[in-house]
Amino acid sequence: ETAGVMAEETRTKRLVDANKAEIEKYESLAKKAL
């Protein structure tokens, strides 16, 4: 169960990092559009 909880922590951290990358991508696209 501890391994499962630690795996869930890793999964949510990966989602947070992916979200940040997407935000930066659309910021860059908006600049290019302008």
ModelCIF file with pLDDT and N, C-alpha, C, O atoms, coordinates in Angstrom:
data_MODEL
#
_entry.id   MODEL 
#
_entity.id                         1 
_entity.type                       polymer 
_entity.pdbx_number_of_molecules   1 
#
_entity_poly.entity_id                      1 
_entity_poly.type                           'polypeptide(L)' 
_entity_poly.nstd_linkage                   no 
_entity_poly.nstd_monomer                   no 
_entity_poly.pdbx_seq_one_letter_code       ETAGVMAEETRTKRLVDANKAEIEKYESLAKKAL 
_entity_poly.pdbx_seq_one_letter_code_can   ETAGVMAEETRTKRLVDANKAEIEKYESLAKKAL 
_entity_poly.pdbx_strand_id                 A 
#
loop_
_entity_poly_seq.entity_id 
_entity_poly_seq.num 
_entity_poly_seq.mon_id 
_entity_poly_seq.hetero 
1 1  GLU n 
1 2  THR n 
1 3  ALA n 
1 4  GLY n 
1 5  VAL n 
1 6  MET n 
1 7  ALA n 
1 8  GLU n 
1 9  GLU n 
1 10 THR n 
1 11 ARG n 
1 12 THR n 
1 13 LYS n 
1 14 ARG n 
1 15 LEU n 
1 16 VAL n 
1 17 ASP n 
1 18 ALA n 
1 19 ASN n 
1 20 LYS n 
1 21 ALA n 
1 22 GLU n 
1 23 ILE n 
1 24 GLU n 
1 25 LYS n 
1 26 TYR n 
1 27 GLU n 
1 28 SER n 
1 29 LEU n 
1 30 ALA n 
1 31 LYS n 
1 32 LYS n 
1 33 ALA n 
1 34 LEU n 
#
_struct_asym.id          A 
_struct_asym.entity_id   1 
#
loop_
_ma_qa_metric.id 
_ma_qa_metric.mode 
_ma_qa_metric.name 
_ma_qa_metric.software_group_id 
_ma_qa_metric.type 
1 global pLDDT . pLDDT 
2 local  pLDDT . pLDDT 
#
_ma_qa_metric_global.metric_id      1 
_ma_qa_metric_global.metric_value   92.24 
_ma_qa_metric_global.model_id       1 
_ma_qa_metric_global.ordinal_id     1 
#
loop_
_ma_qa_metric_local.label_asym_id 
_ma_qa_metric_local.label_comp_id 
_ma_qa_metric_local.label_seq_id 
_ma_qa_metric_local.metric_id 
_ma_qa_metric_local.metric_value 
_ma_qa_metric_local.model_id 
_ma_qa_metric_local.ordinal_id 
A GLU 1  2 84.00 1 1  
A THR 2  2 85.00 1 2  
A ALA 3  2 88.00 1 3  
A GLY 4  2 87.00 1 4  
A VAL 5  2 87.00 1 5  
A MET 6  2 90.00 1 6  
A ALA 7  2 90.00 1 7  
A GLU 8  2 89.00 1 8  
A GLU 9  2 90.00 1 9  
A THR 10 2 92.00 1 10 
A ARG 11 2 92.00 1 11 
A THR 12 2 94.00 1 12 
A LYS 13 2 92.00 1 13 
A ARG 14 2 94.00 1 14 
A LEU 15 2 93.00 1 15 
A VAL 16 2 93.00 1 16 
A ASP 17 2 93.00 1 17 
A ALA 18 2 94.00 1 18 
A ASN 19 2 95.00 1 19 
A LYS 20 2 95.00 1 20 
A ALA 21 2 94.00 1 21 
A GLU 22 2 94.00 1 22 
A ILE 23 2 94.00 1 23 
A GLU 24 2 95.00 1 24 
A LYS 25 2 95.00 1 25 
A TYR 26 2 94.00 1 26 
A GLU 27 2 93.00 1 27 
A SER 28 2 94.00 1 28 
A LEU 29 2 94.00 1 29 
A ALA 30 2 94.00 1 30 
A LYS 31 2 95.00 1 31 
A LYS 32 2 95.00 1 32 
A ALA 33 2 94.00 1 33 
A LEU 34 2 94.00 1 34 
#
loop_
_atom_site.group_PDB 
_atom_site.id 
_atom_site.type_symbol 
_atom_site.label_atom_id 
_atom_site.label_alt_id 
_atom_site.label_comp_id 
_atom_site.label_asym_id 
_atom_site.label_entity_id 
_atom_site.label_seq_id 
_atom_site.pdbx_PDB_ins_code 
_atom_site.Cartn_x 
_atom_site.Cartn_y 
_atom_site.Cartn_z 
_atom_site.occupancy 
_atom_site.B_iso_or_equiv 
_atom_site.pdbx_formal_charge 
_atom_site.auth_seq_id 
_atom_site.auth_comp_id 
_atom_site.auth_asym_id 
_atom_site.auth_atom_id 
_atom_site.pdbx_PDB_model_num 
ATOM 1   N N  . GLU A 1 1  ? 0.824  -1.208 0.000   1.00 84.00 ? 1  GLU A N  1 
ATOM 2   C CA . GLU A 1 1  ? 0.000  0.000  0.000   1.00 84.00 ? 1  GLU A CA 1 
ATOM 3   C C  . GLU A 1 1  ? 0.860  1.260  0.000   1.00 84.00 ? 1  GLU A C  1 
ATOM 4   O O  . GLU A 1 1  ? 0.504  2.252  -0.636  1.00 84.00 ? 1  GLU A O  1 
ATOM 5   N N  . THR A 1 2  ? 1.977  1.228  0.702   1.00 85.00 ? 2  THR A N  1 
ATOM 6   C CA . THR A 1 2  ? 2.881  2.384  0.695   1.00 85.00 ? 2  THR A CA 1 
ATOM 7   C C  . THR A 1 2  ? 3.422  2.625  -0.700  1.00 85.00 ? 2  THR A C  1 
ATOM 8   O O  . THR A 1 2  ? 3.511  3.770  -1.142  1.00 85.00 ? 2  THR A O  1 
ATOM 9   N N  . ALA A 1 3  ? 3.785  1.556  -1.400  1.00 88.00 ? 3  ALA A N  1 
ATOM 10  C CA . ALA A 1 3  ? 4.274  1.687  -2.770  1.00 88.00 ? 3  ALA A CA 1 
ATOM 11  C C  . ALA A 1 3  ? 3.197  2.283  -3.672  1.00 88.00 ? 3  ALA A C  1 
ATOM 12  O O  . ALA A 1 3  ? 3.494  3.084  -4.558  1.00 88.00 ? 3  ALA A O  1 
ATOM 13  N N  . GLY A 1 4  ? 1.931  1.885  -3.438  1.00 87.00 ? 4  GLY A N  1 
ATOM 14  C CA . GLY A 1 4  ? 0.831  2.428  -4.231  1.00 87.00 ? 4  GLY A CA 1 
ATOM 15  C C  . GLY A 1 4  ? 0.648  3.921  -4.003  1.00 87.00 ? 4  GLY A C  1 
ATOM 16  O O  . GLY A 1 4  ? 0.428  4.676  -4.951  1.00 87.00 ? 4  GLY A O  1 
ATOM 17  N N  . VAL A 1 5  ? 0.739  4.347  -2.743  1.00 87.00 ? 5  VAL A N  1 
ATOM 18  C CA . VAL A 1 5  ? 0.588  5.774  -2.415  1.00 87.00 ? 5  VAL A CA 1 
ATOM 19  C C  . VAL A 1 5  ? 1.734  6.573  -3.020  1.00 87.00 ? 5  VAL A C  1 
ATOM 20  O O  . VAL A 1 5  ? 1.523  7.662  -3.555  1.00 87.00 ? 5  VAL A O  1 
ATOM 21  N N  . MET A 1 6  ? 2.947  6.033  -2.935  1.00 90.00 ? 6  MET A N  1 
ATOM 22  C CA . MET A 1 6  ? 4.105  6.731  -3.509  1.00 90.00 ? 6  MET A CA 1 
ATOM 23  C C  . MET A 1 6  ? 3.988  6.814  -5.031  1.00 90.00 ? 6  MET A C  1 
ATOM 24  O O  . MET A 1 6  ? 4.403  7.802  -5.636  1.00 90.00 ? 6  MET A O  1 
ATOM 25  N N  . ALA A 1 7  ? 3.420  5.774  -5.646  1.00 90.00 ? 7  ALA A N  1 
ATOM 26  C CA . ALA A 1 7  ? 3.224  5.795  -7.096  1.00 90.00 ? 7  ALA A CA 1 
ATOM 27  C C  . ALA A 1 7  ? 2.204  6.863  -7.482  1.00 90.00 ? 7  ALA A C  1 
ATOM 28  O O  . ALA A 1 7  ? 2.357  7.529  -8.506  1.00 90.00 ? 7  ALA A O  1 
ATOM 29  N N  . GLU A 1 8  ? 1.168  7.024  -6.665  1.00 89.00 ? 8  GLU A N  1 
ATOM 30  C CA . GLU A 1 8  ? 0.166  8.052  -6.924  1.00 89.00 ? 8  GLU A CA 1 
ATOM 31  C C  . GLU A 1 8  ? 0.777  9.441  -6.825  1.00 89.00 ? 8  GLU A C  1 
ATOM 32  O O  . GLU A 1 8  ? 0.425  10.334 -7.595  1.00 89.00 ? 8  GLU A O  1 
ATOM 33  N N  . GLU A 1 9  ? 1.695  9.627  -5.873  1.00 90.00 ? 9  GLU A N  1 
ATOM 34  C CA . GLU A 1 9  ? 2.399  10.908 -5.763  1.00 90.00 ? 9  GLU A CA 1 
ATOM 35  C C  . GLU A 1 9  ? 3.183  11.190 -7.045  1.00 90.00 ? 9  GLU A C  1 
ATOM 36  O O  . GLU A 1 9  ? 3.154  12.306 -7.564  1.00 90.00 ? 9  GLU A O  1 
ATOM 37  N N  . THR A 1 10 ? 3.880  10.177 -7.551  1.00 92.00 ? 10 THR A N  1 
ATOM 38  C CA . THR A 1 10 ? 4.658  10.337 -8.775  1.00 92.00 ? 10 THR A CA 1 
ATOM 39  C C  . THR A 1 10 ? 3.756  10.658 -9.967  1.00 92.00 ? 10 THR A C  1 
ATOM 40  O O  . THR A 1 10 ? 4.091  11.498 -10.801 1.00 92.00 ? 10 THR A O  1 
ATOM 41  N N  . ARG A 1 11 ? 2.611  9.980  -10.035 1.00 92.00 ? 11 ARG A N  1 
ATOM 42  C CA . ARG A 1 11 ? 1.678  10.207 -11.149 1.00 92.00 ? 11 ARG A CA 1 
ATOM 43  C C  . ARG A 1 11 ? 1.142  11.637 -11.138 1.00 92.00 ? 11 ARG A C  1 
ATOM 44  O O  . ARG A 1 11 ? 1.124  12.296 -12.178 1.00 92.00 ? 11 ARG A O  1 
ATOM 45  N N  . THR A 1 12 ? 0.704  12.126 -9.973  1.00 94.00 ? 12 THR A N  1 
ATOM 46  C CA . THR A 1 12 ? 0.159  13.482 -9.910  1.00 94.00 ? 12 THR A CA 1 
ATOM 47  C C  . THR A 1 12 ? 1.237  14.525 -10.180 1.00 94.00 ? 12 THR A C  1 
ATOM 48  O O  . THR A 1 12 ? 0.949  15.571 -10.761 1.00 94.00 ? 12 THR A O  1 
ATOM 49  N N  . LYS A 1 13 ? 2.485  14.255 -9.763  1.00 92.00 ? 13 LYS A N  1 
ATOM 50  C CA . LYS A 1 13 ? 3.572  15.186 -10.051 1.00 92.00 ? 13 LYS A CA 1 
ATOM 51  C C  . LYS A 1 13 ? 3.814  15.246 -11.569 1.00 92.00 ? 13 LYS A C  1 
ATOM 52  O O  . LYS A 1 13 ? 4.096  16.311 -12.120 1.00 92.00 ? 13 LYS A O  1 
ATOM 53  N N  . ARG A 1 14 ? 3.702  14.104 -12.223 1.00 94.00 ? 14 ARG A N  1 
ATOM 54  C CA . ARG A 1 14 ? 3.892  14.070 -13.673 1.00 94.00 ? 14 ARG A CA 1 
ATOM 55  C C  . ARG A 1 14 ? 2.802  14.877 -14.380 1.00 94.00 ? 14 ARG A C  1 
ATOM 56  O O  . ARG A 1 14 ? 3.069  15.554 -15.373 1.00 94.00 ? 14 ARG A O  1 
ATOM 57  N N  . LEU A 1 15 ? 1.559  14.800 -13.856 1.00 93.00 ? 15 LEU A N  1 
ATOM 58  C CA . LEU A 1 15 ? 0.468  15.576 -14.429 1.00 93.00 ? 15 LEU A CA 1 
ATOM 59  C C  . LEU A 1 15 ? 0.682  17.071 -14.241 1.00 93.00 ? 15 LEU A C  1 
ATOM 60  O O  . LEU A 1 15 ? 0.406  17.865 -15.141 1.00 93.00 ? 15 LEU A O  1 
ATOM 61  N N  . VAL A 1 16 ? 1.180  17.452 -13.054 1.00 93.00 ? 16 VAL A N  1 
ATOM 62  C CA . VAL A 1 16 ? 1.470  18.869 -12.787 1.00 93.00 ? 16 VAL A CA 1 
ATOM 63  C C  . VAL A 1 16 ? 2.527  19.384 -13.758 1.00 93.00 ? 16 VAL A C  1 
ATOM 64  O O  . VAL A 1 16 ? 2.373  20.469 -14.318 1.00 93.00 ? 16 VAL A O  1 
ATOM 65  N N  . ASP A 1 17 ? 3.592  18.623 -13.961 1.00 93.00 ? 17 ASP A N  1 
ATOM 66  C CA . ASP A 1 17 ? 4.660  19.032 -14.869 1.00 93.00 ? 17 ASP A CA 1 
ATOM 67  C C  . ASP A 1 17 ? 4.166  19.138 -16.313 1.00 93.00 ? 17 ASP A C  1 
ATOM 68  O O  . ASP A 1 17 ? 4.538  20.060 -17.039 1.00 93.00 ? 17 ASP A O  1 
ATOM 69  N N  . ALA A 1 18 ? 3.322  18.182 -16.722 1.00 94.00 ? 18 ALA A N  1 
ATOM 70  C CA . ALA A 1 18 ? 2.786  18.204 -18.079 1.00 94.00 ? 18 ALA A CA 1 
ATOM 71  C C  . ALA A 1 18 ? 1.891  19.425 -18.276 1.00 94.00 ? 18 ALA A C  1 
ATOM 72  O O  . ALA A 1 18 ? 1.917  20.054 -19.334 1.00 94.00 ? 18 ALA A O  1 
ATOM 73  N N  . ASN A 1 19 ? 1.104  19.756 -17.264 1.00 95.00 ? 19 ASN A N  1 
ATOM 74  C CA . ASN A 1 19 ? 0.228  20.927 -17.322 1.00 95.00 ? 19 ASN A CA 1 
ATOM 75  C C  . ASN A 1 19 ? 1.043  22.210 -17.485 1.00 95.00 ? 19 ASN A C  1 
ATOM 76  O O  . ASN A 1 19 ? 0.690  23.080 -18.281 1.00 95.00 ? 19 ASN A O  1 
ATOM 77  N N  . LYS A 1 20 ? 2.132  22.320 -16.726 1.00 95.00 ? 20 LYS A N  1 
ATOM 78  C CA . LYS A 1 20 ? 2.990  23.503 -16.827 1.00 95.00 ? 20 LYS A CA 1 
ATOM 79  C C  . LYS A 1 20 ? 3.582  23.626 -18.230 1.00 95.00 ? 20 LYS A C  1 
ATOM 80  O O  . LYS A 1 20 ? 3.678  24.726 -18.775 1.00 95.00 ? 20 LYS A O  1 
ATOM 81  N N  . ALA A 1 21 ? 3.972  22.503 -18.805 1.00 94.00 ? 21 ALA A N  1 
ATOM 82  C CA . ALA A 1 21 ? 4.542  22.512 -20.149 1.00 94.00 ? 21 ALA A CA 1 
ATOM 83  C C  . ALA A 1 21 ? 3.507  22.969 -21.172 1.00 94.00 ? 21 ALA A C  1 
ATOM 84  O O  . ALA A 1 21 ? 3.838  23.721 -22.089 1.00 94.00 ? 21 ALA A O  1 
ATOM 85  N N  . GLU A 1 22 ? 2.262  22.526 -21.028 1.00 94.00 ? 22 GLU A N  1 
ATOM 86  C CA . GLU A 1 22 ? 1.194  22.943 -21.928 1.00 94.00 ? 22 GLU A CA 1 
ATOM 87  C C  . GLU A 1 22 ? 0.928  24.442 -21.824 1.00 94.00 ? 22 GLU A C  1 
ATOM 88  O O  . GLU A 1 22 ? 0.717  25.113 -22.835 1.00 94.00 ? 22 GLU A O  1 
ATOM 89  N N  . ILE A 1 23 ? 0.939  24.965 -20.596 1.00 94.00 ? 23 ILE A N  1 
ATOM 90  C CA . ILE A 1 23 ? 0.727  26.401 -20.383 1.00 94.00 ? 23 ILE A CA 1 
ATOM 91  C C  . ILE A 1 23 ? 1.809  27.203 -21.098 1.00 94.00 ? 23 ILE A C  1 
ATOM 92  O O  . ILE A 1 23 ? 1.518  28.193 -21.769 1.00 94.00 ? 23 ILE A O  1 
ATOM 93  N N  . GLU A 1 24 ? 3.035  26.778 -20.953 1.00 95.00 ? 24 GLU A N  1 
ATOM 94  C CA . GLU A 1 24 ? 4.142  27.472 -21.616 1.00 95.00 ? 24 GLU A CA 1 
ATOM 95  C C  . GLU A 1 24 ? 4.012  27.385 -23.147 1.00 95.00 ? 24 GLU A C  1 
ATOM 96  O O  . GLU A 1 24 ? 4.350  28.330 -23.859 1.00 95.00 ? 24 GLU A O  1 
ATOM 97  N N  . LYS A 1 25 ? 3.525  26.253 -23.635 1.00 95.00 ? 25 LYS A N  1 
ATOM 98  C CA . LYS A 1 25 ? 3.364  26.077 -25.084 1.00 95.00 ? 25 LYS A CA 1 
ATOM 99  C C  . LYS A 1 25 ? 2.357  27.079 -25.642 1.00 95.00 ? 25 LYS A C  1 
ATOM 100 O O  . LYS A 1 25 ? 2.622  27.725 -26.656 1.00 95.00 ? 25 LYS A O  1 
ATOM 101 N N  . TYR A 1 26 ? 1.187  27.214 -24.976 1.00 94.00 ? 26 TYR A N  1 
ATOM 102 C CA . TYR A 1 26 ? 0.161  28.118 -25.498 1.00 94.00 ? 26 TYR A CA 1 
ATOM 103 C C  . TYR A 1 26 ? 0.544  29.585 -25.312 1.00 94.00 ? 26 TYR A C  1 
ATOM 104 O O  . TYR A 1 26 ? 0.117  30.437 -26.092 1.00 94.00 ? 26 TYR A O  1 
ATOM 105 N N  . GLU A 1 27 ? 1.335  29.884 -24.300 1.00 93.00 ? 27 GLU A N  1 
ATOM 106 C CA . GLU A 1 27 ? 1.891  31.232 -24.156 1.00 93.00 ? 27 GLU A CA 1 
ATOM 107 C C  . GLU A 1 27 ? 2.760  31.553 -25.375 1.00 93.00 ? 27 GLU A C  1 
ATOM 108 O O  . GLU A 1 27 ? 2.670  32.642 -25.942 1.00 93.00 ? 27 GLU A O  1 
ATOM 109 N N  . SER A 1 28 ? 3.599  30.595 -25.771 1.00 94.00 ? 28 SER A N  1 
ATOM 110 C CA . SER A 1 28 ? 4.478  30.785 -26.922 1.00 94.00 ? 28 SER A CA 1 
ATOM 111 C C  . SER A 1 28 ? 3.678  30.919 -28.213 1.00 94.00 ? 28 SER A C  1 
ATOM 112 O O  . SER A 1 28 ? 4.007  31.741 -29.068 1.00 94.00 ? 28 SER A O  1 
ATOM 113 N N  . LEU A 1 29 ? 2.621  30.105 -28.354 1.00 94.00 ? 29 LEU A N  1 
ATOM 114 C CA . LEU A 1 29 ? 1.791  30.174 -29.554 1.00 94.00 ? 29 LEU A CA 1 
ATOM 115 C C  . LEU A 1 29 ? 1.069  31.512 -29.666 1.00 94.00 ? 29 LEU A C  1 
ATOM 116 O O  . LEU A 1 29 ? 0.917  32.059 -30.759 1.00 94.00 ? 29 LEU A O  1 
ATOM 117 N N  . ALA A 1 30 ? 0.622  32.035 -28.512 1.00 94.00 ? 30 ALA A N  1 
ATOM 118 C CA . ALA A 1 30 ? -0.053 33.337 -28.527 1.00 94.00 ? 30 ALA A CA 1 
ATOM 119 C C  . ALA A 1 30 ? 0.893  34.429 -28.999 1.00 94.00 ? 30 ALA A C  1 
ATOM 120 O O  . ALA A 1 30 ? 0.495  35.318 -29.751 1.00 94.00 ? 30 ALA A O  1 
ATOM 121 N N  . LYS A 1 31 ? 2.135  34.364 -28.563 1.00 95.00 ? 31 LYS A N  1 
ATOM 122 C CA . LYS A 1 31 ? 3.134  35.347 -29.007 1.00 95.00 ? 31 LYS A CA 1 
ATOM 123 C C  . LYS A 1 31 ? 3.363  35.248 -30.514 1.00 95.00 ? 31 LYS A C  1 
ATOM 124 O O  . LYS A 1 31 ? 3.441  36.261 -31.209 1.00 95.00 ? 31 LYS A O  1 
ATOM 125 N N  . LYS A 1 32 ? 3.471  34.015 -31.010 1.00 95.00 ? 32 LYS A N  1 
ATOM 126 C CA . LYS A 1 32 ? 3.674  33.823 -32.443 1.00 95.00 ? 32 LYS A CA 1 
ATOM 127 C C  . LYS A 1 32 ? 2.495  34.363 -33.249 1.00 95.00 ? 32 LYS A C  1 
ATOM 128 O O  . LYS A 1 32 ? 2.686  34.961 -34.309 1.00 95.00 ? 32 LYS A O  1 
ATOM 129 N N  . ALA A 1 33 ? 1.268  34.151 -32.745 1.00 94.00 ? 33 ALA A N  1 
ATOM 130 C CA . ALA A 1 33 ? 0.078  34.634 -33.432 1.00 94.00 ? 33 ALA A CA 1 
ATOM 131 C C  . ALA A 1 33 ? 0.073  36.160 -33.498 1.00 94.00 ? 33 ALA A C  1 
ATOM 132 O O  . ALA A 1 33 ? -0.279 36.741 -34.525 1.00 94.00 ? 33 ALA A O  1 
ATOM 133 N N  . LEU A 1 34 ? 0.462  36.800 -32.407 1.00 94.00 ? 34 LEU A N  1 
ATOM 134 C CA . LEU A 1 34 ? 0.509  38.256 -32.381 1.00 94.00 ? 34 LEU A CA 1 
ATOM 135 C C  . LEU A 1 34 ? 1.559  38.784 -33.362 1.00 94.00 ? 34 LEU A C  1 
ATOM 136 O O  . LEU A 1 34 ? 1.741  39.996 -33.478 1.00 94.00 ? 34 LEU A O  1 
#
